[in-house]
C-alpha atoms as a PDB file:
ATOM      1  CA  MET A   1      88.260 111.982  75.308  1.00  0.00           C
ATOM      2  CA  CYS A   2      88.229 110.785  71.726  1.00  0.00           C
ATOM      3  CA  LYS A   3      85.141 112.570  70.465  1.00  0.00           C
ATOM      4  CA  SER A   4      84.383 110.121  67.686  1.00  0.00           C
ATOM      5  CA  LEU A   5      84.704 107.066  69.959  1.00  0.00           C
ATOM      6  CA  ASN A   6      83.436 108.579  73.213  1.00  0.00           C
ATOM      7  CA  ALA A   7      86.310 106.860  75.050  1.00  0.00           C
ATOM      8  CA  PRO A   8      89.517 108.057  76.713  1.00  0.00           C
ATOM      9  CA  CYS A   9      92.523 108.366  74.415  1.00  0.00           C
ATOM     10  CA  TYR A  10      96.173 107.937  75.355  1.00  0.00           C
ATOM     11  CA  ASN A  11      99.311 109.098  73.599  1.00  0.00           C
ATOM     12  CA  THR A  12     101.352 105.901  73.456  1.00  0.00           C
ATOM     13  CA  TYR A  13     104.479 107.287  71.889  1.00  0.00           C
ATOM     14  CA  GLY A  14     106.699 110.270  72.517  1.00  0.00           C
ATOM     15  CA  GLY A  15     106.283 111.812  69.064  1.00  0.00           C
ATOM     16  CA  SER A  16     103.744 114.390  68.024  1.00  0.00           C
ATOM     17  CA  GLU A  17     100.162 113.188  67.870  1.00  0.00           C
ATOM     18  CA  ASN A  18      98.627 112.948  64.408  1.00  0.00           C
ATOM     19  CA  LYS A  19      94.937 113.552  65.129  1.00  0.00           C
ATOM     20  CA  GLY A  20      93.880 113.057  61.543  1.00  0.00           C
ATOM     21  CA  THR A  21      94.856 109.422  61.088  1.00  0.00           C
ATOM     22  CA  ASN A  22      92.365 106.649  61.606  1.00  0.00           C
ATOM     23  CA  SER A  23      95.050 104.189  62.767  1.00  0.00           C
ATOM     24  CA  SER A  24      96.107 106.560  65.537  1.00  0.00           C
ATOM     25  CA  ILE A  25      92.552 106.679  66.854  1.00  0.00           C
ATOM     26  CA  LYS A  26      92.231 102.892  66.636  1.00  0.00           C
ATOM     27  CA  LEU A  27      95.510 102.467  68.523  1.00  0.00           C
ATOM     28  CA  LYS A  28      94.398 104.801  71.292  1.00  0.00           C
ATOM     29  CA  TYR A  29      90.990 103.165  71.478  1.00  0.00           C
ATOM     30  CA  GLY A  30      92.605  99.710  71.606  1.00  0.00           C
ATOM     31  CA  ILE A  31      94.851 100.782  74.447  1.00  0.00           C
ATOM     32  CA  SER A  32      91.813 102.101  76.314  1.00  0.00           C
ATOM     33  CA  VAL A  33      89.961  98.812  75.797  1.00  0.00           C
ATOM     34  CA  VAL A  34      92.948  96.788  77.008  1.00  0.00           C
ATOM     35  CA  ALA A  35      93.393  99.029  80.056  1.00  0.00           C
ATOM     36  CA  THR A  36      89.737  98.565  80.983  1.00  0.00           C
ATOM     37  CA  PHE A  37      90.014  94.798  80.515  1.00  0.00           C
ATOM     38  CA  GLN A  38      93.129  94.598  82.675  1.00  0.00           C
ATOM     39  CA  ARG A  39      91.471  96.729  85.371  1.00  0.00           C
ATOM     40  CA  MET A  40      88.491  94.362  85.392  1.00  0.00           C
ATOM     41  CA  ARG A  41      90.794  91.330  85.673  1.00  0.00           C
ATOM     42  CA  GLN A  42      92.631  92.970  88.566  1.00  0.00           C
ATOM     43  CA  GLU A  43      89.321  93.633  90.345  1.00  0.00           C
ATOM     44  CA  GLN A  44      88.437  89.956  89.995  1.00  0.00           C
ATOM     45  CA  ARG A  45      91.845  88.892  91.312  1.00  0.00           C
ATOM     46  CA  SER A  46      91.538  91.170  94.338  1.00  0.00           C
ATOM     47  CA  MET A  47      88.096  89.697  95.094  1.00  0.00           C
ATOM     48  CA  ALA A  48      89.568  86.194  94.930  1.00  0.00           C
ATOM     49  CA  SER A  49      92.426  87.236  97.192  1.00  0.00           C
ATOM     50  CA  LYS A  50      90.028  88.716  99.749  1.00  0.00           C
ATOM     51  CA  ALA A  51      87.871  85.573  99.655  1.00  0.00           C
ATOM     52  CA  ALA A  52      90.939  83.407 100.317  1.00  0.00           C
ATOM     53  CA  GLU A  53      91.951  85.661 103.204  1.00  0.00           C
ATOM     54  CA  LEU A  54      88.472  85.384 104.721  1.00  0.00           C
ATOM     55  CA  GLU A  55      88.523  81.582 104.284  1.00  0.00           C
ATOM     56  CA  MET A  56      91.677  81.513 106.396  1.00  0.00           C
ATOM     57  CA  GLU A  57      89.925  83.613 109.056  1.00  0.00           C
ATOM     58  CA  ILE A  58      87.047  81.119 109.100  1.00  0.00           C
ATOM     59  CA  ASN A  59      89.547  78.298 109.615  1.00  0.00           C
ATOM     60  CA  GLU A  60      91.115  80.202 112.523  1.00  0.00           C
ATOM     61  CA  HIS A  61      87.682  80.867 114.041  1.00  0.00           C
ATOM     62  CA  SER A  62      86.782  77.171 113.708  1.00  0.00           C
ATOM     63  CA  LEU A  63      89.989  76.125 115.426  1.00  0.00           C
ATOM     64  CA  VAL A  64      89.405  78.508 118.346  1.00  0.00           C
ATOM     65  CA  ILE A  65      85.718  77.549 118.635  1.00  0.00           C
ATOM     66  CA  ASP A  66      86.550  73.830 118.695  1.00  0.00           C
ATOM     67  CA  THR A  67      89.192  74.449 121.351  1.00  0.00           C
ATOM     68  CA  LEU A  68      86.889  76.576 123.528  1.00  0.00           C
ATOM     69  CA  LYS A  69      84.060  74.020 123.388  1.00  0.00           C
ATOM     70  CA  GLU A  70      86.281  71.584 125.287  1.00  0.00           C
ATOM     71  CA  VAL A  71      87.041  74.120 128.044  1.00  0.00           C
ATOM     72  CA  ASP A  72      85.075  74.921 131.202  1.00  0.00           C
ATOM     73  CA  PRO A  73      82.562  77.718 130.336  1.00  0.00           C
ATOM     74  CA  SER A  74      83.487  79.737 133.445  1.00  0.00           C
ATOM     75  CA  ARG A  75      87.180  79.815 132.569  1.00  0.00           C
ATOM     76  CA  LYS A  76      88.790  83.188 131.848  1.00  0.00           C
ATOM     77  CA  CYS A  77      89.319  83.993 128.220  1.00  0.00           C
ATOM     78  CA  TYR A  78      91.011  86.943 126.516  1.00  0.00           C
ATOM     79  CA  ARG A  79      89.787  88.410 123.279  1.00  0.00           C
ATOM     80  CA  LEU A  80      91.110  91.205 121.086  1.00  0.00           C
ATOM     81  CA  VAL A  81      88.296  93.652 120.320  1.00  0.00           C
ATOM     82  CA  GLY A  82      89.155  96.706 118.238  1.00  0.00           C
ATOM     83  CA  GLY A  83      92.808  96.605 119.282  1.00  0.00           C
ATOM     84  CA  VAL A  84      91.940  96.239 122.992  1.00  0.00           C
ATOM     85  CA  LEU A  85      92.498  92.998 124.874  1.00  0.00           C
ATOM     86  CA  VAL A  86      89.420  92.266 126.994  1.00  0.00           C
ATOM     87  CA  GLU A  87      88.916  89.610 129.644  1.00  0.00           C
ATOM     88  CA  ARG A  88      85.739  87.553 129.408  1.00  0.00           C
ATOM     89  CA  THR A  89      84.615  84.031 130.163  1.00  0.00           C
ATOM     90  CA  VAL A  90      84.490  81.266 127.581  1.00  0.00           C
ATOM     91  CA  LYS A  91      80.692  81.290 127.914  1.00  0.00           C
ATOM     92  CA  GLU A  92      80.622  84.959 126.781  1.00  0.00           C
ATOM     93  CA  VAL A  93      83.202  84.676 124.005  1.00  0.00           C
ATOM     94  CA  LEU A  94      82.009  81.493 122.292  1.00  0.00           C
ATOM     95  CA  PRO A  95      78.696  82.903 120.931  1.00  0.00           C
ATOM     96  CA  ALA A  96      80.486  86.025 119.670  1.00  0.00           C
ATOM     97  CA  LEU A  97      83.056  83.906 117.813  1.00  0.00           C
ATOM     98  CA  GLU A  98      80.344  81.748 116.259  1.00  0.00           C
ATOM     99  CA  ASN A  99      78.477  84.883 115.176  1.00  0.00           C
ATOM    100  CA  ASN A 100      81.667  86.324 113.635  1.00  0.00           C
ATOM    101  CA  LYS A 101      82.250  83.075 111.773  1.00  0.00           C
ATOM    102  CA  GLU A 102      78.706  83.217 110.354  1.00  0.00           C
ATOM    103  CA  GLN A 103      79.159  86.825 109.248  1.00  0.00           C
ATOM    104  CA  ILE A 104      82.449  86.006 107.529  1.00  0.00           C
ATOM    105  CA  SER A 105      80.768  83.089 105.730  1.00  0.00           C
ATOM    106  CA  LYS A 106      78.069  85.430 104.426  1.00  0.00           C
ATOM    107  CA  ILE A 107      80.705  87.865 103.190  1.00  0.00           C
ATOM    108  CA  ILE A 108      82.507  85.040 101.377  1.00  0.00           C
ATOM    109  CA  GLU A 109      79.252  83.974  99.702  1.00  0.00           C
ATOM    110  CA  SER A 110      78.705  87.560  98.584  1.00  0.00           C
ATOM    111  CA  LEU A 111      82.266  87.804  97.249  1.00  0.00           C
ATOM    112  CA  ASN A 112      81.872  84.542  95.338  1.00  0.00           C
ATOM    113  CA  THR A 113      78.678  85.856  93.739  1.00  0.00           C
ATOM    114  CA  GLN A 114      80.453  89.084  92.793  1.00  0.00           C
ATOM    115  CA  MET A 115      83.398  87.125  91.334  1.00  0.00           C
ATOM    116  CA  GLN A 116      81.048  85.057  89.178  1.00  0.00           C
ATOM    117  CA  ALA A 117      79.331  88.214  87.943  1.00  0.00           C
ATOM    118  CA  LYS A 118      82.724  89.794  87.214  1.00  0.00           C
ATOM    119  CA  GLY A 119      83.739  86.651  85.301  1.00  0.00           C
ATOM    120  CA  ARG A 120      80.617  86.894  83.141  1.00  0.00           C
ATOM    121  CA  GLU A 121      81.261  90.616  82.624  1.00  0.00           C
ATOM    122  CA  LEU A 122      84.853  89.877  81.578  1.00  0.00           C
ATOM    123  CA  THR A 123      83.715  87.199  79.144  1.00  0.00           C
ATOM    124  CA  GLU A 124      81.159  89.549  77.581  1.00  0.00           C
ATOM    125  CA  TYR A 125      83.764  92.312  77.347  1.00  0.00           C
ATOM    126  CA  ARG A 126      86.252  89.938  75.694  1.00  0.00           C
ATOM    127  CA  GLU A 127      83.665  88.841  73.149  1.00  0.00           C
ATOM    128  CA  ARG A 128      82.439  92.387  72.463  1.00  0.00           C
ATOM    129  CA  TYR A 129      85.929  93.730  71.737  1.00  0.00           C
ATOM    130  CA  ASN A 130      87.409  90.473  70.367  1.00  0.00           C
ATOM    131  CA  ILE A 131      90.109  90.388  73.046  1.00  0.00           C
ATOM    132  CA  ARG A 132      92.426  87.389  73.002  1.00  0.00           C
ATOM    133  CA  LEU A 133      95.046  86.595  75.585  1.00  0.00           C
ATOM    134  CA  VAL A 134      98.507  85.866  74.204  1.00  0.00           C
ATOM    135  CA  SER A 135      98.455  82.445  75.861  1.00  0.00           C
ATOM    136  CA  GLU A 136      95.268  81.621  73.890  1.00  0.00           C
ATOM    137  CA  ASP A 137      96.969  82.495  70.607  1.00  0.00           C
ATOM    138  CA  ASP A 138      99.864  80.186  71.509  1.00  0.00           C
ATOM    139  CA  LYS A 139      97.459  77.333  72.237  1.00  0.00           C
ATOM    140  CA  GLN A 140      95.504  77.870  69.026  1.00  0.00           C
ATOM    141  CA  GLY A 141      98.724  78.010  67.018  1.00  0.00           C
ATOM    142  CA  LYS A 142      99.687  74.565  68.302  1.00  0.00           C
ATOM    143  CA  GLY A 143      96.339  73.058  67.274  1.00  0.00           C
ATOM    144  CA  ASN A 144      94.855  72.986  70.767  1.00  0.00           C
ATOM    145  CA  THR A 145      91.422  74.616  70.650  1.00  0.00           C
ATOM    146  CA  SER A 146      90.679  74.513  74.364  1.00  0.00           C
ATOM    147  CA  GLN A 147      89.652  77.845  75.805  1.00  0.00           C
ATOM    148  CA  ALA A 148      91.785  79.486  78.480  1.00  0.00           C
ATOM    149  CA  LYS A 149      89.892  80.267  81.643  1.00  0.00           C
ATOM    150  CA  GLU A 150      91.904  83.326  82.580  1.00  0.00           C
ATOM    151  CA  SER A 151      88.967  85.740  82.635  1.00  0.00           C
ATOM    152  CA  GLU A 152      86.943  83.420  84.857  1.00  0.00           C
ATOM    153  CA  GLY A 153      89.796  83.191  87.338  1.00  0.00           C
ATOM    154  CA  GLY A 154      90.853  79.647  86.486  1.00  0.00           C
ATOM    155  CA  GLY A 155      93.984  80.182  84.434  1.00  0.00           C
ATOM    156  CA  SER A 156      97.511  81.149  85.253  1.00  0.00           C
ATOM    157  CA  LYS A 157      97.894  84.419  87.102  1.00  0.00           C
ATOM    158  CA  SER A 158     100.904  85.616  85.139  1.00  0.00           C
ATOM    159  CA  GLY A 159     100.765  88.959  83.390  1.00  0.00           C
ATOM    160  CA  ALA A 160      99.829  87.482  80.023  1.00  0.00           C
ATOM    161  CA  GLY A 161      99.635  90.004  77.213  1.00  0.00           C
ATOM    162  CA  VAL A 162      96.315  91.033  75.774  1.00  0.00           C
ATOM    163  CA  LEU A 163      95.538  91.495  72.085  1.00  0.00           C
ATOM    164  CA  VAL A 164      92.610  93.436  70.668  1.00  0.00           C
ATOM    165  CA  SER A 165      91.646  93.013  67.044  1.00  0.00           C
END
């Protein structure tokens, strides 16, 4: 821990560490800030990925539910439960599938709320530490003042560099 900054410090070069220089502390602190920012962005991306995966599960559930509604309720139906294939009737399976679909929808709503909160947290963090993405600097240099929406999950997902000033 950097005692003066109360933040983790990292040795970013192979040479001996000069503990007395102010620029060395700023460099280590900047690296720590960037690492935290990138970790937060990765958390947001993983939430978005999980939400997309669950959306696909909802689509699959909808397809199966629509198909089973057109079938005789007493017809045999097989369902995978915890890795075990069980035989039931359509009448027994249909309510369980609809319940699962509802539960997945609630999880997606929760994930979306968490992603929005993470986006706000990222924006606040960027403003607090004056973090700019390299792609933003390129846009500003060309006279385009539009803001990149990377931290809110709307920009490109490439590994754009991060600058702290």
